[in-house]
Amino acid sequence: MSPASRVPVVVDCDAETDDAVALLLAALHPDLDLAGVCAATEDDAASVRAMVARGGVDIPVHAGTAWLLATLDSASAPVALVTTGPLTNLAAALAADPSITRRVARLVVLGGTHREPGVTPYAERNIWSDPEAADRVLQAPFRDRLLVTADATASVALTDADLDRWRALRTPAALAAAELAASRLDRGARVHDPLAVAALIDPTLLNTLRAGVRVECADPTAYGATRFAAEVDESRGRISVAVRADRARYVDLLTTTLGRQDPRPR
């Protein structure tokens, strides 16, 4: 893909190791132009920069909502926005300037659960961390919205054998991604976040349904649950909800991309 046709991407993340793997994928894939990364705090931004640098990739990582607003406002064309953490930053940006929805061509949110348990029997961690923010974002009139659920990430769970494939590539990104992912597998956690970036690269990886989505913010027994309904307020519309993905193709995409060197000048 020519530089002019690459998709401009902004990622809003937290500072988990699987965020770093997702950022390596976004930085190295030839179809994407990673314009920048937003984290919640300066400490988170520094942590993300350090993790990604282990993969030989220099990514601009900024803290807070102001950078996100400025970047969307100055973009020459609508961008793709991927969120891999709680939606606090994006909700604050929407509160400050609701018109940012017009400057986002596609919104991919990693969060929510259809049937897969999360940090509670009903709620996935990114949504549960700030349900009010998540509901604000999911109700906002972004033109193209995709929710990548814990069900989808569970269907493509990485294994030690996958990480061995990455180690065999011997590139800085592949070695760093294997180390970062292993730190999660070793404590029984999944590597969720790269699927959100992969969904932007190749939407055909996903099995999706269309539904209205609300986040439970009132019931303390189901706080943070994502509620799906066929009947929705048509002014808000339905959201594409990913519930499964093609594991073999996903792992191949990750492996091929992590085998690349960062082509950008340092």
C-alpha atoms as a PDB file:
ATOM      1  CA  MET A   1       0.000   0.000   0.000  1.00  0.00           C
ATOM      2  CA  SER A   2       1.366   3.443  -0.917  1.00  0.00           C
ATOM      3  CA  PRO A   3       2.073   5.935   1.902  1.00  0.00           C
ATOM      4  CA  ALA A   4      -0.781   8.144   0.704  1.00  0.00           C
ATOM      5  CA  SER A   5      -3.329   5.332   1.040  1.00  0.00           C
ATOM      6  CA  ARG A   6      -2.304   4.064   4.468  1.00  0.00           C
ATOM      7  CA  VAL A   7      -4.980   4.378   7.152  1.00  0.00           C
ATOM      8  CA  PRO A   8      -4.130   7.085   9.734  1.00  0.00           C
ATOM      9  CA  VAL A   9      -4.567   5.575  13.201  1.00  0.00           C
ATOM     10  CA  VAL A  10      -4.691   6.949  16.731  1.00  0.00           C
ATOM     11  CA  VAL A  11      -4.611   4.515  19.670  1.00  0.00           C
ATOM     12  CA  ASP A  12      -5.932   5.322  23.162  1.00  0.00           C
ATOM     13  CA  CYS A  13      -4.469   2.733  25.536  1.00  0.00           C
ATOM     14  CA  ASP A  14      -3.531   1.899  29.087  1.00  0.00           C
ATOM     15  CA  ALA A  15      -0.146   0.551  30.158  1.00  0.00           C
ATOM     16  CA  GLU A  16      -0.561  -3.228  30.066  1.00  0.00           C
ATOM     17  CA  THR A  17       1.897  -5.428  28.199  1.00  0.00           C
ATOM     18  CA  ASP A  18      -0.698  -6.461  25.628  1.00  0.00           C
ATOM     19  CA  ASP A  19      -1.227  -2.784  24.776  1.00  0.00           C
ATOM     20  CA  ALA A  20       2.442  -2.720  23.787  1.00  0.00           C
ATOM     21  CA  VAL A  21       2.019  -5.786  21.553  1.00  0.00           C
ATOM     22  CA  ALA A  22      -0.960  -4.091  19.891  1.00  0.00           C
ATOM     23  CA  LEU A  23       1.111  -0.957  19.304  1.00  0.00           C
ATOM     24  CA  LEU A  24       3.937  -2.943  17.719  1.00  0.00           C
ATOM     25  CA  LEU A  25       1.372  -4.419  15.325  1.00  0.00           C
ATOM     26  CA  ALA A  26      -0.027  -0.963  14.518  1.00  0.00           C
ATOM     27  CA  ALA A  27       3.420   0.563  14.015  1.00  0.00           C
ATOM     28  CA  LEU A  28       4.779  -2.175  11.775  1.00  0.00           C
ATOM     29  CA  HIS A  29       1.834  -3.110   9.565  1.00  0.00           C
ATOM     30  CA  PRO A  30       2.235  -1.543   6.100  1.00  0.00           C
ATOM     31  CA  ASP A  31      -1.459  -0.653   5.776  1.00  0.00           C
ATOM     32  CA  LEU A  32      -1.496   1.559   8.880  1.00  0.00           C
ATOM     33  CA  ASP A  33       0.000   4.961   9.627  1.00  0.00           C
ATOM     34  CA  LEU A  34       0.237   5.213  13.417  1.00  0.00           C
ATOM     35  CA  ALA A  35      -0.155   8.944  14.035  1.00  0.00           C
ATOM     36  CA  GLY A  36       0.204   8.727  17.790  1.00  0.00           C
ATOM     37  CA  VAL A  37      -0.821   7.142  21.047  1.00  0.00           C
ATOM     38  CA  CYS A  38      -2.711   8.542  24.013  1.00  0.00           C
ATOM     39  CA  ALA A  39      -2.484   7.183  27.566  1.00  0.00           C
ATOM     40  CA  ALA A  40      -4.258   8.324  30.715  1.00  0.00           C
ATOM     41  CA  THR A  41      -1.269   9.671  32.675  1.00  0.00           C
ATOM     42  CA  GLU A  42       2.358  10.684  32.144  1.00  0.00           C
ATOM     43  CA  ASP A  43       3.453   7.571  34.047  1.00  0.00           C
ATOM     44  CA  ASP A  44       1.370   5.372  31.735  1.00  0.00           C
ATOM     45  CA  ALA A  45       2.770   7.152  28.680  1.00  0.00           C
ATOM     46  CA  ALA A  46       6.353   6.620  29.867  1.00  0.00           C
ATOM     47  CA  SER A  47       5.666   2.946  30.573  1.00  0.00           C
ATOM     48  CA  VAL A  48       4.168   2.393  27.123  1.00  0.00           C
ATOM     49  CA  ARG A  49       7.077   4.162  25.416  1.00  0.00           C
ATOM     50  CA  ALA A  50       9.564   1.981  27.279  1.00  0.00           C
ATOM     51  CA  MET A  51       7.777  -1.271  26.444  1.00  0.00           C
ATOM     52  CA  VAL A  52       7.452  -0.480  22.754  1.00  0.00           C
ATOM     53  CA  ALA A  53      11.055   0.709  22.522  1.00  0.00           C
ATOM     54  CA  ARG A  54      12.122  -2.818  23.453  1.00  0.00           C
ATOM     55  CA  GLY A  55      10.771  -3.801  20.045  1.00  0.00           C
ATOM     56  CA  GLY A  56      12.958  -1.311  18.218  1.00  0.00           C
ATOM     57  CA  VAL A  57      10.033   1.005  17.505  1.00  0.00           C
ATOM     58  CA  ASP A  58       9.872   4.683  18.435  1.00  0.00           C
ATOM     59  CA  ILE A  59       6.235   5.692  18.920  1.00  0.00           C
ATOM     60  CA  PRO A  60       5.012   9.100  20.133  1.00  0.00           C
ATOM     61  CA  VAL A  61       2.966   8.495  23.295  1.00  0.00           C
ATOM     62  CA  HIS A  62       1.113  11.370  24.954  1.00  0.00           C
ATOM     63  CA  ALA A  63      -0.855  11.729  28.174  1.00  0.00           C
ATOM     64  CA  GLY A  64      -4.385  12.961  28.691  1.00  0.00           C
ATOM     65  CA  THR A  65      -7.282  14.283  26.678  1.00  0.00           C
ATOM     66  CA  ALA A  66      -5.782  17.519  25.349  1.00  0.00           C
ATOM     67  CA  TRP A  67      -3.481  15.751  22.890  1.00  0.00           C
ATOM     68  CA  LEU A  68      -6.328  13.564  21.635  1.00  0.00           C
ATOM     69  CA  LEU A  69      -8.543  16.583  20.994  1.00  0.00           C
ATOM     70  CA  ALA A  70      -5.758  18.504  19.262  1.00  0.00           C
ATOM     71  CA  THR A  71      -4.830  15.546  17.069  1.00  0.00           C
ATOM     72  CA  LEU A  72      -8.388  14.902  15.933  1.00  0.00           C
ATOM     73  CA  ASP A  73      -8.944  18.609  15.334  1.00  0.00           C
ATOM     74  CA  SER A  74      -5.823  18.973  13.180  1.00  0.00           C
ATOM     75  CA  ALA A  75      -6.183  15.756  11.165  1.00  0.00           C
ATOM     76  CA  SER A  76      -6.336  16.417   7.430  1.00  0.00           C
ATOM     77  CA  ALA A  77      -8.809  13.538   7.024  1.00  0.00           C
ATOM     78  CA  PRO A  78     -10.891  11.442   9.427  1.00  0.00           C
ATOM     79  CA  VAL A  79      -8.783   8.925  11.354  1.00  0.00           C
ATOM     80  CA  ALA A  80      -9.325   5.430  12.670  1.00  0.00           C
ATOM     81  CA  LEU A  81      -9.417   5.456  16.469  1.00  0.00           C
ATOM     82  CA  VAL A  82      -8.627   2.290  18.425  1.00  0.00           C
ATOM     83  CA  THR A  83      -9.130   2.082  22.194  1.00  0.00           C
ATOM     84  CA  THR A  84      -7.520  -0.733  24.180  1.00  0.00           C
ATOM     85  CA  GLY A  85      -8.105   0.507  27.722  1.00  0.00           C
ATOM     86  CA  PRO A  86     -10.838   2.187  29.764  1.00  0.00           C
ATOM     87  CA  LEU A  87     -12.778   4.819  27.834  1.00  0.00           C
ATOM     88  CA  THR A  88     -12.191   7.678  30.281  1.00  0.00           C
ATOM     89  CA  ASN A  89     -10.001   9.733  27.917  1.00  0.00           C
ATOM     90  CA  LEU A  90     -12.345   9.443  24.962  1.00  0.00           C
ATOM     91  CA  ALA A  91     -15.439  10.207  27.046  1.00  0.00           C
ATOM     92  CA  ALA A  92     -13.746  13.344  28.371  1.00  0.00           C
ATOM     93  CA  ALA A  93     -12.851  14.351  24.820  1.00  0.00           C
ATOM     94  CA  LEU A  94     -16.474  13.883  23.758  1.00  0.00           C
ATOM     95  CA  ALA A  95     -17.682  15.995  26.673  1.00  0.00           C
ATOM     96  CA  ALA A  96     -15.271  18.759  25.664  1.00  0.00           C
ATOM     97  CA  ASP A  97     -16.091  18.586  21.940  1.00  0.00           C
ATOM     98  CA  PRO A  98     -18.951  16.347  20.759  1.00  0.00           C
ATOM     99  CA  SER A  99     -18.079  17.130  17.131  1.00  0.00           C
ATOM    100  CA  ILE A 100     -15.018  14.855  17.273  1.00  0.00           C
ATOM    101  CA  THR A 101     -17.304  12.039  16.125  1.00  0.00           C
ATOM    102  CA  ARG A 102     -17.182  13.598  12.651  1.00  0.00           C
ATOM    103  CA  ARG A 103     -13.391  13.342  12.592  1.00  0.00           C
ATOM    104  CA  VAL A 104     -13.283   9.615  13.292  1.00  0.00           C
ATOM    105  CA  ALA A 105     -13.816   7.392  10.256  1.00  0.00           C
ATOM    106  CA  ARG A 106     -13.885   4.208  12.318  1.00  0.00           C
ATOM    107  CA  LEU A 107     -13.943   3.543  16.061  1.00  0.00           C
ATOM    108  CA  VAL A 108     -12.705   0.176  17.339  1.00  0.00           C
ATOM    109  CA  VAL A 109     -13.264  -0.416  21.059  1.00  0.00           C
ATOM    110  CA  LEU A 110     -11.685  -3.351  22.849  1.00  0.00           C
ATOM    111  CA  GLY A 111     -14.124  -4.072  25.640  1.00  0.00           C
ATOM    112  CA  GLY A 112     -17.297  -5.681  26.829  1.00  0.00           C
ATOM    113  CA  THR A 113     -18.414  -9.247  26.928  1.00  0.00           C
ATOM    114  CA  HIS A 114     -21.219 -11.125  25.229  1.00  0.00           C
ATOM    115  CA  ARG A 115     -21.080 -14.404  27.158  1.00  0.00           C
ATOM    116  CA  GLU A 116     -17.455 -14.702  28.343  1.00  0.00           C
ATOM    117  CA  PRO A 117     -16.908 -13.827  32.054  1.00  0.00           C
ATOM    118  CA  GLY A 118     -14.608 -10.915  32.789  1.00  0.00           C
ATOM    119  CA  VAL A 119     -13.422  -9.346  36.038  1.00  0.00           C
ATOM    120  CA  THR A 120     -16.946 -10.113  37.280  1.00  0.00           C
ATOM    121  CA  PRO A 121     -19.425 -12.674  35.934  1.00  0.00           C
ATOM    122  CA  TYR A 122     -20.972  -9.849  33.888  1.00  0.00           C
ATOM    123  CA  ALA A 123     -18.322  -7.236  33.135  1.00  0.00           C
ATOM    124  CA  GLU A 124     -15.072  -6.994  31.165  1.00  0.00           C
ATOM    125  CA  ARG A 125     -12.264  -4.946  32.739  1.00  0.00           C
ATOM    126  CA  ASN A 126     -12.023  -2.022  30.283  1.00  0.00           C
ATOM    127  CA  ILE A 127     -15.758  -1.324  30.527  1.00  0.00           C
ATOM    128  CA  TRP A 128     -16.006  -2.091  34.256  1.00  0.00           C
ATOM    129  CA  SER A 129     -13.177   0.366  35.019  1.00  0.00           C
ATOM    130  CA  ASP A 130     -15.360   3.325  33.959  1.00  0.00           C
ATOM    131  CA  PRO A 131     -18.867   2.224  32.920  1.00  0.00           C
ATOM    132  CA  GLU A 132     -20.239   5.752  32.640  1.00  0.00           C
ATOM    133  CA  ALA A 133     -17.465   6.729  30.239  1.00  0.00           C
ATOM    134  CA  ALA A 134     -17.969   3.544  28.236  1.00  0.00           C
ATOM    135  CA  ASP A 135     -21.700   4.167  27.893  1.00  0.00           C
ATOM    136  CA  ARG A 136     -21.090   7.744  26.751  1.00  0.00           C
ATOM    137  CA  VAL A 137     -18.681   6.559  24.055  1.00  0.00           C
ATOM    138  CA  LEU A 138     -20.865   3.689  22.849  1.00  0.00           C
ATOM    139  CA  GLN A 139     -23.894   5.988  22.583  1.00  0.00           C
ATOM    140  CA  ALA A 140     -22.014   8.693  20.686  1.00  0.00           C
ATOM    141  CA  PRO A 141     -22.835   8.963  16.960  1.00  0.00           C
ATOM    142  CA  PHE A 142     -19.536   7.726  15.532  1.00  0.00           C
ATOM    143  CA  ARG A 143     -20.173   6.733  11.922  1.00  0.00           C
ATOM    144  CA  ASP A 144     -18.627   3.225  12.100  1.00  0.00           C
ATOM    145  CA  ARG A 145     -18.322   1.467  15.454  1.00  0.00           C
ATOM    146  CA  LEU A 146     -16.898  -1.940  16.307  1.00  0.00           C
ATOM    147  CA  LEU A 147     -16.835  -3.487  19.782  1.00  0.00           C
ATOM    148  CA  VAL A 148     -14.249  -6.280  20.112  1.00  0.00           C
ATOM    149  CA  THR A 149     -15.472  -8.330  23.055  1.00  0.00           C
ATOM    150  CA  ALA A 150     -13.735 -10.673  25.470  1.00  0.00           C
ATOM    151  CA  ASP A 151     -15.540 -13.494  23.652  1.00  0.00           C
ATOM    152  CA  ALA A 152     -13.637 -12.609  20.486  1.00  0.00           C
ATOM    153  CA  THR A 153     -10.277 -12.364  22.229  1.00  0.00           C
ATOM    154  CA  ALA A 154     -10.907 -15.676  24.011  1.00  0.00           C
ATOM    155  CA  SER A 155     -11.432 -17.355  20.641  1.00  0.00           C
ATOM    156  CA  VAL A 156      -7.918 -16.369  19.508  1.00  0.00           C
ATOM    157  CA  ALA A 157      -6.041 -16.908  22.777  1.00  0.00           C
ATOM    158  CA  LEU A 158      -2.303 -17.061  22.172  1.00  0.00           C
ATOM    159  CA  THR A 159      -0.209 -20.028  23.288  1.00  0.00           C
ATOM    160  CA  ASP A 160       3.438 -20.679  24.091  1.00  0.00           C
ATOM    161  CA  ALA A 161       3.771 -22.278  20.649  1.00  0.00           C
ATOM    162  CA  ASP A 162       2.696 -19.001  19.026  1.00  0.00           C
ATOM    163  CA  LEU A 163       5.317 -17.117  21.014  1.00  0.00           C
ATOM    164  CA  ASP A 164       7.954 -19.619  19.922  1.00  0.00           C
ATOM    165  CA  ARG A 165       7.111 -18.724  16.297  1.00  0.00           C
ATOM    166  CA  TRP A 166       7.790 -15.092  17.121  1.00  0.00           C
ATOM    167  CA  ARG A 167      11.069 -15.851  18.873  1.00  0.00           C
ATOM    168  CA  ALA A 168      12.232 -17.780  15.819  1.00  0.00           C
ATOM    169  CA  LEU A 169      11.877 -14.613  13.707  1.00  0.00           C
ATOM    170  CA  ARG A 170      14.671 -12.931  15.705  1.00  0.00           C
ATOM    171  CA  THR A 171      13.478  -9.401  14.906  1.00  0.00           C
ATOM    172  CA  PRO A 172      13.448  -6.899  17.789  1.00  0.00           C
ATOM    173  CA  ALA A 173       9.668  -6.519  17.564  1.00  0.00           C
ATOM    174  CA  ALA A 174       8.994 -10.259  17.542  1.00  0.00           C
ATOM    175  CA  LEU A 175      11.347 -10.913  20.459  1.00  0.00           C
ATOM    176  CA  ALA A 176       9.863  -8.056  22.482  1.00  0.00           C
ATOM    177  CA  ALA A 177       6.285  -9.101  21.691  1.00  0.00           C
ATOM    178  CA  ALA A 178       7.043 -12.672  22.766  1.00  0.00           C
ATOM    179  CA  GLU A 179       8.505 -11.456  26.057  1.00  0.00           C
ATOM    180  CA  LEU A 180       5.616  -9.066  26.695  1.00  0.00           C
ATOM    181  CA  ALA A 181       2.995 -11.688  25.858  1.00  0.00           C
ATOM    182  CA  ALA A 182       4.749 -14.342  27.950  1.00  0.00           C
ATOM    183  CA  SER A 183       4.489 -12.093  31.002  1.00  0.00           C
ATOM    184  CA  ARG A 184       0.705 -12.389  30.683  1.00  0.00           C
ATOM    185  CA  LEU A 185       0.520 -16.077  29.846  1.00  0.00           C
ATOM    186  CA  ASP A 186       2.763 -16.875  32.825  1.00  0.00           C
ATOM    187  CA  ARG A 187       0.164 -15.410  35.187  1.00  0.00           C
ATOM    188  CA  GLY A 188      -2.820 -16.934  33.439  1.00  0.00           C
ATOM    189  CA  ALA A 189      -3.915 -13.798  31.573  1.00  0.00           C
ATOM    190  CA  ARG A 190      -4.807 -13.514  27.904  1.00  0.00           C
ATOM    191  CA  VAL A 191      -3.254 -11.211  25.328  1.00  0.00           C
ATOM    192  CA  HIS A 192      -6.365  -9.274  24.325  1.00  0.00           C
ATOM    193  CA  ASP A 193      -5.377  -5.968  22.774  1.00  0.00           C
ATOM    194  CA  PRO A 194      -3.728  -6.862  19.437  1.00  0.00           C
ATOM    195  CA  LEU A 195      -7.059  -8.164  18.144  1.00  0.00           C
ATOM    196  CA  ALA A 196      -8.452  -4.612  18.133  1.00  0.00           C
ATOM    197  CA  VAL A 197      -5.672  -3.488  15.784  1.00  0.00           C
ATOM    198  CA  ALA A 198      -5.968  -6.655  13.695  1.00  0.00           C
ATOM    199  CA  ALA A 199      -9.689  -5.926  13.290  1.00  0.00           C
ATOM    200  CA  LEU A 200      -8.785  -2.599  11.721  1.00  0.00           C
ATOM    201  CA  ILE A 201      -6.289  -4.229   9.355  1.00  0.00           C
ATOM    202  CA  ASP A 202      -8.561  -7.099   8.266  1.00  0.00           C
ATOM    203  CA  PRO A 203     -12.208  -6.946   9.399  1.00  0.00           C
ATOM    204  CA  THR A 204     -12.869 -10.338   7.745  1.00  0.00           C
ATOM    205  CA  LEU A 205     -11.038 -11.976  10.652  1.00  0.00           C
ATOM    206  CA  LEU A 206     -14.110 -11.373  12.801  1.00  0.00           C
ATOM    207  CA  ASN A 207     -17.530 -12.917  13.250  1.00  0.00           C
ATOM    208  CA  THR A 208     -19.826 -10.061  14.207  1.00  0.00           C
ATOM    209  CA  LEU A 209     -23.420  -9.333  15.085  1.00  0.00           C
ATOM    210  CA  ARG A 210     -25.273  -6.029  14.989  1.00  0.00           C
ATOM    211  CA  ALA A 211     -26.885  -4.815  18.175  1.00  0.00           C
ATOM    212  CA  GLY A 212     -27.685  -1.846  20.299  1.00  0.00           C
ATOM    213  CA  VAL A 213     -25.263  -1.692  23.210  1.00  0.00           C
ATOM    214  CA  ARG A 214     -25.721  -0.053  26.607  1.00  0.00           C
ATOM    215  CA  VAL A 215     -23.523  -0.287  29.665  1.00  0.00           C
ATOM    216  CA  GLU A 216     -25.076  -1.049  33.052  1.00  0.00           C
ATOM    217  CA  CYS A 217     -24.297   1.875  35.346  1.00  0.00           C
ATOM    218  CA  ALA A 218     -27.072   1.558  37.947  1.00  0.00           C
ATOM    219  CA  ASP A 219     -27.429  -2.073  39.050  1.00  0.00           C
ATOM    220  CA  PRO A 220     -24.594  -2.786  41.538  1.00  0.00           C
ATOM    221  CA  THR A 221     -24.851  -6.531  40.950  1.00  0.00           C
ATOM    222  CA  ALA A 222     -24.155  -6.132  37.217  1.00  0.00           C
ATOM    223  CA  TYR A 223     -22.163  -2.891  37.240  1.00  0.00           C
ATOM    224  CA  GLY A 224     -20.213  -2.501  34.006  1.00  0.00           C
ATOM    225  CA  ALA A 225     -22.103  -5.196  32.100  1.00  0.00           C
ATOM    226  CA  THR A 226     -22.605  -4.652  28.382  1.00  0.00           C
ATOM    227  CA  ARG A 227     -26.289  -5.045  27.481  1.00  0.00           C
ATOM    228  CA  PHE A 228     -27.154  -6.044  23.922  1.00  0.00           C
ATOM    229  CA  ALA A 229     -30.531  -5.484  22.279  1.00  0.00           C
ATOM    230  CA  ALA A 230     -31.965  -5.932  18.807  1.00  0.00           C
ATOM    231  CA  GLU A 231     -34.328  -2.993  19.345  1.00  0.00           C
ATOM    232  CA  VAL A 232     -32.433   0.278  19.614  1.00  0.00           C
ATOM    233  CA  ASP A 233     -32.904   4.007  19.402  1.00  0.00           C
ATOM    234  CA  GLU A 234     -32.276   4.420  15.673  1.00  0.00           C
ATOM    235  CA  SER A 235     -30.789   7.877  16.282  1.00  0.00           C
ATOM    236  CA  ARG A 236     -27.930   6.038  17.987  1.00  0.00           C
ATOM    237  CA  GLY A 237     -27.994   2.982  15.747  1.00  0.00           C
ATOM    238  CA  ARG A 238     -26.508  -0.441  16.080  1.00  0.00           C
ATOM    239  CA  ILE A 239     -22.898  -1.344  16.738  1.00  0.00           C
ATOM    240  CA  SER A 240     -20.928  -4.167  15.141  1.00  0.00           C
ATOM    241  CA  VAL A 241     -20.018  -6.563  17.951  1.00  0.00           C
ATOM    242  CA  ALA A 242     -17.207  -9.070  17.396  1.00  0.00           C
ATOM    243  CA  VAL A 243     -17.886 -12.340  19.195  1.00  0.00           C
ATOM    244  CA  ARG A 244     -15.384 -14.673  17.496  1.00  0.00           C
ATOM    245  CA  ALA A 245     -12.334 -14.452  15.249  1.00  0.00           C
ATOM    246  CA  ASP A 246     -10.311 -16.704  12.948  1.00  0.00           C
ATOM    247  CA  ARG A 247      -7.426 -17.756  15.166  1.00  0.00           C
ATOM    248  CA  ALA A 248      -5.117 -19.198  12.496  1.00  0.00           C
ATOM    249  CA  ARG A 249      -5.325 -16.120  10.268  1.00  0.00           C
ATOM    250  CA  TYR A 250      -4.959 -13.793  13.249  1.00  0.00           C
ATOM    251  CA  VAL A 251      -1.790 -15.473  14.493  1.00  0.00           C
ATOM    252  CA  ASP A 252      -0.387 -15.481  10.951  1.00  0.00           C
ATOM    253  CA  LEU A 253      -1.082 -11.744  10.665  1.00  0.00           C
ATOM    254  CA  LEU A 254       0.697 -11.060  13.939  1.00  0.00           C
ATOM    255  CA  THR A 255       3.645 -13.265  13.039  1.00  0.00           C
ATOM    256  CA  THR A 256       4.143 -11.794   9.574  1.00  0.00           C
ATOM    257  CA  THR A 257       3.942  -8.222  10.868  1.00  0.00           C
ATOM    258  CA  LEU A 258       6.231  -8.756  13.854  1.00  0.00           C
ATOM    259  CA  GLY A 259       8.804 -10.130  11.437  1.00  0.00           C
ATOM    260  CA  ARG A 260       9.115  -6.690   9.833  1.00  0.00           C
ATOM    261  CA  GLN A 261      11.621  -3.997  10.763  1.00  0.00           C
ATOM    262  CA  ASP A 262      10.314  -0.514  11.566  1.00  0.00           C
ATOM    263  CA  PRO A 263      10.569   1.349   8.223  1.00  0.00           C
ATOM    264  CA  ARG A 264      10.154   4.825   9.716  1.00  0.00           C
ATOM    265  CA  PRO A 265      13.143   7.154  10.221  1.00  0.00           C
ATOM    266  CA  ARG A 266      14.358   7.321  13.804  1.00  0.00           C
END
